[in-house]
Amino acid sequence: MIILLKSSLVICLLSVFCQDFKDRLVSVFLFPLIAVLLGIIHYLNVGKPAIFWNVGINLGLITVMLIILYSYVRIRAKNTFKNSLGLGDVFCFFTLAFSFASIAFITFLVFGLIFALVIHSLLSRKRTDKKDAFKNSIPLAGYLCLFFTFILIIHWLEIYNNLYVL
């Protein structure tokens, strides 16, 4: 049962990466499915009271982060939020909030954003077929899902076991 959950989660996360990287569009049904799979795996690792605290704190942090980003884009950048961050990216942030304990989530979210920046910088230099849409956008949801896939696989291989602690 747990192997089916984990393999389904990896397939869904990699599907988001592939769709976002290729088309800059992601099937919307993948986000609730990933959230449910992450939530079930999280629940199996920590139990009922802890998952509510962890997910609640993570959702609160994502909400505050998006409010700050929205304010910055509107006031400082004089741009619309829609042109700065895609709806799939917002869904991805909220979906990944179901993943880990709060400290691990914050740590991996920060490193996931750095990972997205570095990978996109490296790949955008090598692309020769730069279309306008791809030049001006980053597949953030895809990169984050790829990064979280790596983290989950490392955890499942028991290389790092502190994802659900704290």
N, C-alpha and C. Protein backbone atom coordinates (compact mmCIF):
# COMPACT_ATOMS: atom_id res chain seq x y z
N MET A 1 0.82 -1.20 0.00
CA MET A 1 0.00 0.00 0.00
C MET A 1 0.87 1.26 0.00
N ILE A 2 1.85 1.29 0.90
CA ILE A 2 2.69 2.48 1.01
C ILE A 2 3.54 2.66 -0.24
N ILE A 3 3.95 1.55 -0.85
CA ILE A 3 4.74 1.64 -2.09
C ILE A 3 3.88 2.22 -3.20
N LEU A 4 2.61 1.86 -3.24
CA LEU A 4 1.70 2.42 -4.24
C LEU A 4 1.52 3.93 -4.03
N LEU A 5 1.38 4.35 -2.77
CA LEU A 5 1.26 5.78 -2.47
C LEU A 5 2.51 6.54 -2.91
N LYS A 6 3.67 6.02 -2.55
CA LYS A 6 4.93 6.69 -2.87
C LYS A 6 5.17 6.75 -4.37
N SER A 7 4.93 5.65 -5.07
CA SER A 7 5.14 5.66 -6.52
C SER A 7 4.14 6.56 -7.22
N SER A 8 2.90 6.60 -6.74
CA SER A 8 1.90 7.51 -7.32
C SER A 8 2.32 8.97 -7.10
N LEU A 9 2.85 9.25 -5.93
CA LEU A 9 3.30 10.60 -5.62
C LEU A 9 4.45 11.01 -6.53
N VAL A 10 5.41 10.14 -6.70
CA VAL A 10 6.55 10.45 -7.58
C VAL A 10 6.08 10.67 -9.01
N ILE A 11 5.17 9.84 -9.49
CA ILE A 11 4.64 10.00 -10.85
C ILE A 11 3.94 11.34 -10.99
N CYS A 12 3.14 11.72 -10.02
CA CYS A 12 2.42 13.00 -10.08
C CYS A 12 3.38 14.18 -10.03
N LEU A 13 4.37 14.13 -9.14
CA LEU A 13 5.34 15.22 -9.03
C LEU A 13 6.14 15.36 -10.32
N LEU A 14 6.56 14.25 -10.88
CA LEU A 14 7.32 14.31 -12.14
C LEU A 14 6.44 14.74 -13.31
N SER A 15 5.15 14.43 -13.25
CA SER A 15 4.21 14.90 -14.28
C SER A 15 4.09 16.42 -14.25
N VAL A 16 4.03 16.98 -13.04
CA VAL A 16 3.99 18.44 -12.92
C VAL A 16 5.26 19.04 -13.51
N PHE A 17 6.40 18.45 -13.17
CA PHE A 17 7.67 18.95 -13.71
C PHE A 17 7.66 18.91 -15.24
N CYS A 18 7.32 17.78 -15.81
CA CYS A 18 7.35 17.64 -17.27
C CYS A 18 6.38 18.61 -17.95
N GLN A 19 5.15 18.70 -17.44
CA GLN A 19 4.17 19.59 -18.05
C GLN A 19 4.58 21.05 -17.93
N ASP A 20 5.05 21.44 -16.75
CA ASP A 20 5.42 22.83 -16.53
C ASP A 20 6.67 23.20 -17.33
N PHE A 21 7.62 22.29 -17.41
CA PHE A 21 8.85 22.57 -18.14
C PHE A 21 8.59 22.66 -19.64
N LYS A 22 7.75 21.78 -20.16
CA LYS A 22 7.50 21.73 -21.59
C LYS A 22 6.53 22.80 -22.07
N ASP A 23 5.40 22.93 -21.39
CA ASP A 23 4.32 23.79 -21.88
C ASP A 23 4.04 25.01 -21.01
N ARG A 24 4.62 25.08 -19.84
CA ARG A 24 4.32 26.13 -18.85
C ARG A 24 2.85 26.10 -18.44
N LEU A 25 2.25 24.92 -18.54
CA LEU A 25 0.88 24.67 -18.10
C LEU A 25 0.85 23.33 -17.37
N VAL A 26 0.06 23.25 -16.31
CA VAL A 26 -0.03 22.02 -15.54
C VAL A 26 -1.50 21.66 -15.38
N SER A 27 -1.81 20.37 -15.50
CA SER A 27 -3.18 19.91 -15.27
C SER A 27 -3.56 20.19 -13.82
N VAL A 28 -4.67 20.85 -13.64
CA VAL A 28 -5.05 21.33 -12.31
C VAL A 28 -5.38 20.18 -11.36
N PHE A 29 -5.82 19.04 -11.86
CA PHE A 29 -6.19 17.93 -10.99
C PHE A 29 -4.97 17.33 -10.27
N LEU A 30 -3.78 17.59 -10.77
CA LEU A 30 -2.58 17.03 -10.14
C LEU A 30 -2.31 17.63 -8.76
N PHE A 31 -2.63 18.91 -8.59
CA PHE A 31 -2.32 19.56 -7.31
C PHE A 31 -3.11 18.99 -6.14
N PRO A 32 -4.45 18.84 -6.25
CA PRO A 32 -5.16 18.21 -5.12
C PRO A 32 -4.74 16.76 -4.91
N LEU A 33 -4.43 16.05 -5.99
CA LEU A 33 -4.00 14.67 -5.87
C LEU A 33 -2.67 14.59 -5.13
N ILE A 34 -1.74 15.46 -5.47
CA ILE A 34 -0.44 15.50 -4.77
C ILE A 34 -0.64 15.88 -3.31
N ALA A 35 -1.51 16.85 -3.05
CA ALA A 35 -1.76 17.27 -1.66
C ALA A 35 -2.30 16.11 -0.83
N VAL A 36 -3.23 15.35 -1.39
CA VAL A 36 -3.79 14.21 -0.68
C VAL A 36 -2.72 13.15 -0.43
N LEU A 37 -1.93 12.84 -1.45
CA LEU A 37 -0.87 11.83 -1.29
C LEU A 37 0.17 12.28 -0.26
N LEU A 38 0.59 13.54 -0.34
CA LEU A 38 1.53 14.06 0.65
C LEU A 38 0.93 14.04 2.05
N GLY A 39 -0.34 14.41 2.15
CA GLY A 39 -1.02 14.41 3.44
C GLY A 39 -1.13 13.02 4.05
N ILE A 40 -1.43 12.03 3.22
CA ILE A 40 -1.53 10.65 3.73
C ILE A 40 -0.17 10.16 4.22
N ILE A 41 0.86 10.40 3.43
CA ILE A 41 2.20 9.96 3.83
C ILE A 41 2.66 10.71 5.08
N HIS A 42 2.35 11.99 5.14
CA HIS A 42 2.68 12.79 6.34
C HIS A 42 1.95 12.24 7.56
N TYR A 43 0.67 11.96 7.40
CA TYR A 43 -0.14 11.42 8.50
C TYR A 43 0.41 10.08 8.97
N LEU A 44 0.81 9.22 8.05
CA LEU A 44 1.35 7.92 8.43
C LEU A 44 2.66 8.04 9.21
N ASN A 45 3.35 9.16 9.04
CA ASN A 45 4.62 9.36 9.73
C ASN A 45 4.48 10.06 11.07
N VAL A 46 3.46 10.92 11.24
CA VAL A 46 3.38 11.71 12.48
C VAL A 46 2.09 11.55 13.26
N GLY A 47 1.03 11.12 12.66
CA GLY A 47 -0.23 10.99 13.38
C GLY A 47 -1.10 12.23 13.28
N LYS A 48 -2.27 12.14 13.90
CA LYS A 48 -3.29 13.17 13.74
C LYS A 48 -2.96 14.54 14.31
N PRO A 49 -2.60 14.68 15.58
CA PRO A 49 -2.41 16.05 16.09
C PRO A 49 -1.27 16.80 15.40
N ALA A 50 -0.17 16.11 15.15
CA ALA A 50 1.00 16.77 14.58
C ALA A 50 0.76 17.23 13.14
N ILE A 51 0.03 16.46 12.38
CA ILE A 51 -0.17 16.85 10.98
C ILE A 51 -0.99 18.14 10.89
N PHE A 52 -1.96 18.31 11.78
CA PHE A 52 -2.76 19.53 11.75
C PHE A 52 -1.90 20.75 12.08
N TRP A 53 -1.04 20.62 13.06
CA TRP A 53 -0.14 21.73 13.41
C TRP A 53 0.83 22.02 12.27
N ASN A 54 1.46 20.98 11.74
CA ASN A 54 2.44 21.16 10.68
C ASN A 54 1.82 21.80 9.43
N VAL A 55 0.71 21.24 8.98
CA VAL A 55 0.07 21.76 7.77
C VAL A 55 -0.49 23.16 8.02
N GLY A 56 -1.05 23.40 9.19
CA GLY A 56 -1.56 24.73 9.51
C GLY A 56 -0.47 25.80 9.49
N ILE A 57 0.66 25.49 10.12
CA ILE A 57 1.78 26.43 10.12
C ILE A 57 2.31 26.63 8.71
N ASN A 58 2.46 25.54 7.95
CA ASN A 58 2.97 25.65 6.58
C ASN A 58 2.04 26.48 5.70
N LEU A 59 0.73 26.25 5.81
CA LEU A 59 -0.22 27.04 5.02
C LEU A 59 -0.19 28.51 5.42
N GLY A 60 -0.06 28.77 6.71
CA GLY A 60 0.06 30.15 7.18
C GLY A 60 1.30 30.84 6.62
N LEU A 61 2.41 30.13 6.63
CA LEU A 61 3.65 30.69 6.09
C LEU A 61 3.54 30.97 4.59
N ILE A 62 2.94 30.06 3.87
CA ILE A 62 2.76 30.26 2.42
C ILE A 62 1.85 31.46 2.18
N THR A 63 0.79 31.58 2.95
CA THR A 63 -0.13 32.71 2.80
C THR A 63 0.58 34.03 3.07
N VAL A 64 1.34 34.10 4.15
CA VAL A 64 2.09 35.33 4.46
C VAL A 64 3.10 35.64 3.36
N MET A 65 3.80 34.62 2.88
CA MET A 65 4.77 34.81 1.81
C MET A 65 4.12 35.36 0.55
N LEU A 66 2.95 34.82 0.20
CA LEU A 66 2.27 35.29 -1.01
C LEU A 66 1.69 36.69 -0.84
N ILE A 67 1.24 37.03 0.36
CA ILE A 67 0.76 38.40 0.63
C ILE A 67 1.90 39.40 0.49
N ILE A 68 3.06 39.05 1.04
CA ILE A 68 4.22 39.93 0.92
C ILE A 68 4.64 40.06 -0.55
N LEU A 69 4.65 38.96 -1.26
CA LEU A 69 5.01 38.99 -2.68
C LEU A 69 4.01 39.82 -3.49
N TYR A 70 2.73 39.63 -3.20
CA TYR A 70 1.68 40.40 -3.87
C TYR A 70 1.88 41.90 -3.61
N SER A 71 2.12 42.25 -2.36
CA SER A 71 2.33 43.66 -2.01
C SER A 71 3.55 44.23 -2.70
N TYR A 72 4.62 43.48 -2.73
CA TYR A 72 5.84 43.94 -3.39
C TYR A 72 5.60 44.16 -4.88
N VAL A 73 4.94 43.22 -5.51
CA VAL A 73 4.69 43.32 -6.96
C VAL A 73 3.81 44.52 -7.26
N ARG A 74 2.79 44.73 -6.47
CA ARG A 74 1.86 45.84 -6.72
C ARG A 74 2.49 47.20 -6.44
N ILE A 75 3.21 47.32 -5.34
CA ILE A 75 3.73 48.62 -4.91
C ILE A 75 5.07 48.93 -5.55
N ARG A 76 6.00 48.05 -5.41
CA ARG A 76 7.37 48.32 -5.84
C ARG A 76 7.60 48.07 -7.32
N ALA A 77 7.15 46.93 -7.81
CA ALA A 77 7.42 46.57 -9.20
C ALA A 77 6.40 47.16 -10.17
N LYS A 78 5.32 47.71 -9.66
CA LYS A 78 4.26 48.30 -10.50
C LYS A 78 3.82 47.32 -11.59
N ASN A 79 3.58 46.10 -11.18
CA ASN A 79 3.20 45.05 -12.10
C ASN A 79 1.99 44.32 -11.53
N THR A 80 1.37 43.48 -12.33
CA THR A 80 0.26 42.69 -11.82
C THR A 80 0.81 41.38 -11.29
N PHE A 81 0.14 40.85 -10.30
CA PHE A 81 0.57 39.59 -9.69
C PHE A 81 0.50 38.46 -10.71
N LYS A 82 -0.48 38.54 -11.60
CA LYS A 82 -0.66 37.51 -12.63
C LYS A 82 0.55 37.41 -13.55
N ASN A 83 1.19 38.53 -13.82
CA ASN A 83 2.36 38.54 -14.69
C ASN A 83 3.64 38.14 -13.96
N SER A 84 3.59 38.08 -12.64
CA SER A 84 4.78 37.78 -11.86
C SER A 84 4.85 36.33 -11.40
N LEU A 85 3.73 35.75 -11.08
CA LEU A 85 3.69 34.39 -10.56
C LEU A 85 2.47 33.69 -11.13
N GLY A 86 2.67 32.52 -11.69
CA GLY A 86 1.57 31.79 -12.29
C GLY A 86 0.65 31.15 -11.27
N LEU A 87 -0.55 30.89 -11.68
CA LEU A 87 -1.52 30.24 -10.79
C LEU A 87 -1.06 28.85 -10.40
N GLY A 88 -0.41 28.15 -11.31
CA GLY A 88 0.14 26.83 -11.00
C GLY A 88 1.20 26.90 -9.91
N ASP A 89 1.98 27.97 -9.92
CA ASP A 89 3.00 28.15 -8.88
C ASP A 89 2.35 28.35 -7.51
N VAL A 90 1.29 29.13 -7.48
CA VAL A 90 0.56 29.36 -6.22
C VAL A 90 -0.05 28.04 -5.73
N PHE A 91 -0.68 27.30 -6.64
CA PHE A 91 -1.25 26.00 -6.27
C PHE A 91 -0.16 25.07 -5.76
N CYS A 92 1.00 25.11 -6.39
CA CYS A 92 2.11 24.25 -5.99
C CYS A 92 2.57 24.58 -4.57
N PHE A 93 2.68 25.86 -4.25
CA PHE A 93 3.08 26.26 -2.90
C PHE A 93 2.12 25.68 -1.87
N PHE A 94 0.82 25.85 -2.11
CA PHE A 94 -0.16 25.36 -1.15
C PHE A 94 -0.18 23.83 -1.10
N THR A 95 0.05 23.19 -2.24
CA THR A 95 0.09 21.73 -2.27
C THR A 95 1.26 21.19 -1.46
N LEU A 96 2.43 21.79 -1.63
CA LEU A 96 3.62 21.31 -0.94
C LEU A 96 3.56 21.57 0.57
N ALA A 97 2.63 22.41 1.01
CA ALA A 97 2.48 22.68 2.44
C ALA A 97 2.05 21.42 3.21
N PHE A 98 1.54 20.44 2.51
CA PHE A 98 1.11 19.20 3.15
C PHE A 98 2.25 18.20 3.30
N SER A 99 3.45 18.59 2.93
CA SER A 99 4.54 17.63 2.81
C SER A 99 5.25 17.26 4.11
N PHE A 100 5.81 18.23 4.84
CA PHE A 100 6.71 17.91 5.94
C PHE A 100 6.39 18.74 7.18
N ALA A 101 7.14 18.45 8.23
CA ALA A 101 7.08 19.28 9.43
C ALA A 101 7.56 20.68 9.07
N SER A 102 7.13 21.66 9.82
CA SER A 102 7.32 23.06 9.46
C SER A 102 8.77 23.47 9.26
N ILE A 103 9.67 23.06 10.14
CA ILE A 103 11.08 23.44 10.01
C ILE A 103 11.66 22.84 8.73
N ALA A 104 11.39 21.56 8.49
CA ALA A 104 11.88 20.92 7.26
C ALA A 104 11.25 21.56 6.03
N PHE A 105 9.96 21.88 6.12
CA PHE A 105 9.28 22.50 4.98
C PHE A 105 9.90 23.85 4.63
N ILE A 106 10.13 24.68 5.62
CA ILE A 106 10.73 26.00 5.36
C ILE A 106 12.11 25.84 4.76
N THR A 107 12.89 24.94 5.33
CA THR A 107 14.25 24.71 4.83
C THR A 107 14.22 24.24 3.38
N PHE A 108 13.40 23.25 3.10
CA PHE A 108 13.37 22.71 1.74
C PHE A 108 12.69 23.65 0.76
N LEU A 109 11.77 24.48 1.21
CA LEU A 109 11.17 25.47 0.31
C LEU A 109 12.23 26.49 -0.11
N VAL A 110 13.00 26.97 0.83
CA VAL A 110 14.07 27.93 0.51
C VAL A 110 15.08 27.31 -0.44
N PHE A 111 15.54 26.10 -0.12
CA PHE A 111 16.51 25.45 -0.99
C PHE A 111 15.89 25.07 -2.34
N GLY A 112 14.59 24.77 -2.35
CA GLY A 112 13.90 24.50 -3.61
C GLY A 112 13.84 25.73 -4.51
N LEU A 113 13.63 26.89 -3.91
CA LEU A 113 13.62 28.13 -4.69
C LEU A 113 15.01 28.45 -5.23
N ILE A 114 16.03 28.20 -4.42
CA ILE A 114 17.41 28.39 -4.88
C ILE A 114 17.72 27.39 -6.00
N PHE A 115 17.29 26.15 -5.83
CA PHE A 115 17.46 25.12 -6.86
C PHE A 115 16.81 25.56 -8.17
N ALA A 116 15.59 26.09 -8.09
CA ALA A 116 14.89 26.55 -9.30
C ALA A 116 15.66 27.68 -9.98
N LEU A 117 16.17 28.61 -9.20
CA LEU A 117 16.93 29.72 -9.76
C LEU A 117 18.19 29.23 -10.47
N VAL A 118 18.93 28.35 -9.82
CA VAL A 118 20.19 27.86 -10.39
C VAL A 118 19.92 27.01 -11.64
N ILE A 119 19.00 26.07 -11.55
CA ILE A 119 18.71 25.20 -12.70
C ILE A 119 18.19 26.01 -13.88
N HIS A 120 17.29 26.94 -13.62
CA HIS A 120 16.76 27.74 -14.72
C HIS A 120 17.85 28.61 -15.35
N SER A 121 18.71 29.16 -14.53
CA SER A 121 19.81 29.97 -15.06
C SER A 121 20.72 29.14 -15.95
N LEU A 122 21.04 27.94 -15.51
CA LEU A 122 21.91 27.07 -16.31
C LEU A 122 21.22 26.60 -17.59
N LEU A 123 19.96 26.22 -17.50
CA LEU A 123 19.26 25.71 -18.68
C LEU A 123 18.90 26.81 -19.67
N SER A 124 18.63 28.01 -19.18
CA SER A 124 18.26 29.08 -20.10
C SER A 124 19.45 29.56 -20.93
N ARG A 125 20.64 29.39 -20.43
CA ARG A 125 21.84 29.73 -21.20
C ARG A 125 22.05 28.77 -22.36
N LYS A 126 21.67 27.51 -22.15
CA LYS A 126 21.91 26.48 -23.15
C LYS A 126 20.80 26.36 -24.17
N ARG A 127 19.66 26.94 -23.93
CA ARG A 127 18.54 26.84 -24.87
C ARG A 127 18.80 27.69 -26.09
N THR A 128 18.64 27.10 -27.24
CA THR A 128 18.82 27.84 -28.48
C THR A 128 17.49 28.24 -29.09
N ASP A 129 16.44 27.50 -28.77
CA ASP A 129 15.11 27.78 -29.34
C ASP A 129 14.29 28.62 -28.37
N LYS A 130 14.80 29.75 -28.00
CA LYS A 130 14.14 30.58 -26.99
C LYS A 130 12.91 31.26 -27.59
N LYS A 131 11.76 30.75 -27.19
CA LYS A 131 10.51 31.38 -27.56
C LYS A 131 10.23 32.51 -26.57
N ASP A 132 9.41 33.45 -26.96
CA ASP A 132 9.14 34.59 -26.07
C ASP A 132 8.53 34.16 -24.75
N ALA A 133 7.59 33.22 -24.80
CA ALA A 133 6.92 32.80 -23.57
C ALA A 133 7.90 32.09 -22.63
N PHE A 134 8.82 31.36 -23.18
CA PHE A 134 9.75 30.61 -22.35
C PHE A 134 10.90 31.47 -21.85
N LYS A 135 11.21 32.53 -22.58
CA LYS A 135 12.27 33.43 -22.15
C LYS A 135 11.87 34.18 -20.88
N ASN A 136 10.60 34.53 -20.79
CA ASN A 136 10.15 35.41 -19.72
C ASN A 136 9.49 34.68 -18.55
N SER A 137 9.50 33.35 -18.56
CA SER A 137 8.85 32.64 -17.46
C SER A 137 9.73 31.50 -16.97
N ILE A 138 9.56 31.20 -15.71
CA ILE A 138 10.30 30.13 -15.05
C ILE A 138 9.28 29.06 -14.65
N PRO A 139 9.54 27.81 -14.97
CA PRO A 139 8.61 26.74 -14.54
C PRO A 139 8.81 26.41 -13.06
N LEU A 140 8.46 27.37 -12.21
CA LEU A 140 8.73 27.25 -10.77
C LEU A 140 8.06 26.04 -10.16
N ALA A 141 6.80 25.81 -10.47
CA ALA A 141 6.09 24.64 -9.91
C ALA A 141 6.79 23.36 -10.31
N GLY A 142 7.23 23.29 -11.55
CA GLY A 142 7.93 22.09 -12.02
C GLY A 142 9.25 21.88 -11.31
N TYR A 143 10.03 22.93 -11.16
CA TYR A 143 11.31 22.81 -10.48
C TYR A 143 11.12 22.44 -9.01
N LEU A 144 10.13 23.05 -8.36
CA LEU A 144 9.88 22.71 -6.95
C LEU A 144 9.44 21.25 -6.80
N CYS A 145 8.59 20.79 -7.70
CA CYS A 145 8.15 19.39 -7.64
C CYS A 145 9.32 18.45 -7.89
N LEU A 146 10.20 18.79 -8.80
CA LEU A 146 11.39 17.98 -9.04
C LEU A 146 12.27 17.94 -7.79
N PHE A 147 12.49 19.09 -7.17
CA PHE A 147 13.31 19.17 -5.97
C PHE A 147 12.69 18.35 -4.83
N PHE A 148 11.38 18.49 -4.61
CA PHE A 148 10.72 17.75 -3.55
C PHE A 148 10.71 16.25 -3.84
N THR A 149 10.70 15.87 -5.12
CA THR A 149 10.82 14.46 -5.48
C THR A 149 12.17 13.91 -5.03
N PHE A 150 13.24 14.69 -5.29
CA PHE A 150 14.57 14.28 -4.82
C PHE A 150 14.60 14.13 -3.30
N ILE A 151 14.02 15.08 -2.60
CA ILE A 151 14.01 15.05 -1.14
C ILE A 151 13.26 13.82 -0.63
N LEU A 152 12.11 13.54 -1.21
CA LEU A 152 11.33 12.39 -0.77
C LEU A 152 12.07 11.08 -1.05
N ILE A 153 12.68 10.96 -2.20
CA ILE A 153 13.42 9.74 -2.52
C ILE A 153 14.60 9.57 -1.57
N ILE A 154 15.30 10.65 -1.27
CA ILE A 154 16.41 10.58 -0.29
C ILE A 154 15.88 10.13 1.07
N HIS A 155 14.72 10.61 1.45
CA HIS A 155 14.12 10.19 2.73
C HIS A 155 13.74 8.71 2.68
N TRP A 156 13.11 8.28 1.60
CA TRP A 156 12.68 6.89 1.49
C TRP A 156 13.85 5.92 1.41
N LEU A 157 14.98 6.38 0.92
CA LEU A 157 16.19 5.54 0.90
C LEU A 157 16.92 5.59 2.25
N GLU A 158 16.33 6.30 3.20
CA GLU A 158 16.83 6.44 4.57
C GLU A 158 18.21 7.10 4.64
N ILE A 159 18.47 8.00 3.72
CA ILE A 159 19.69 8.79 3.77
C ILE A 159 19.50 9.97 4.72
N TYR A 160 18.27 10.53 4.72
CA TYR A 160 17.93 11.63 5.61
C TYR A 160 16.57 11.29 6.24
N ASN A 161 16.52 11.22 7.56
CA ASN A 161 15.30 10.75 8.22
C ASN A 161 14.57 11.78 9.05
N ASN A 162 14.89 13.05 8.95
CA ASN A 162 14.28 14.03 9.83
C ASN A 162 13.23 14.91 9.16
N LEU A 163 12.53 14.40 8.17
CA LEU A 163 11.54 15.22 7.47
C LEU A 163 10.32 15.53 8.32
N TYR A 164 9.97 14.63 9.21
CA TYR A 164 8.73 14.81 9.95
C TYR A 164 8.96 15.10 11.43
N VAL A 165 10.18 15.48 11.78
CA VAL A 165 10.53 15.80 13.16
C VAL A 165 10.30 17.28 13.38
N LEU A 166 9.82 17.66 14.52
CA LEU A 166 9.52 19.02 14.96
C LEU A 166 8.21 19.48 14.47
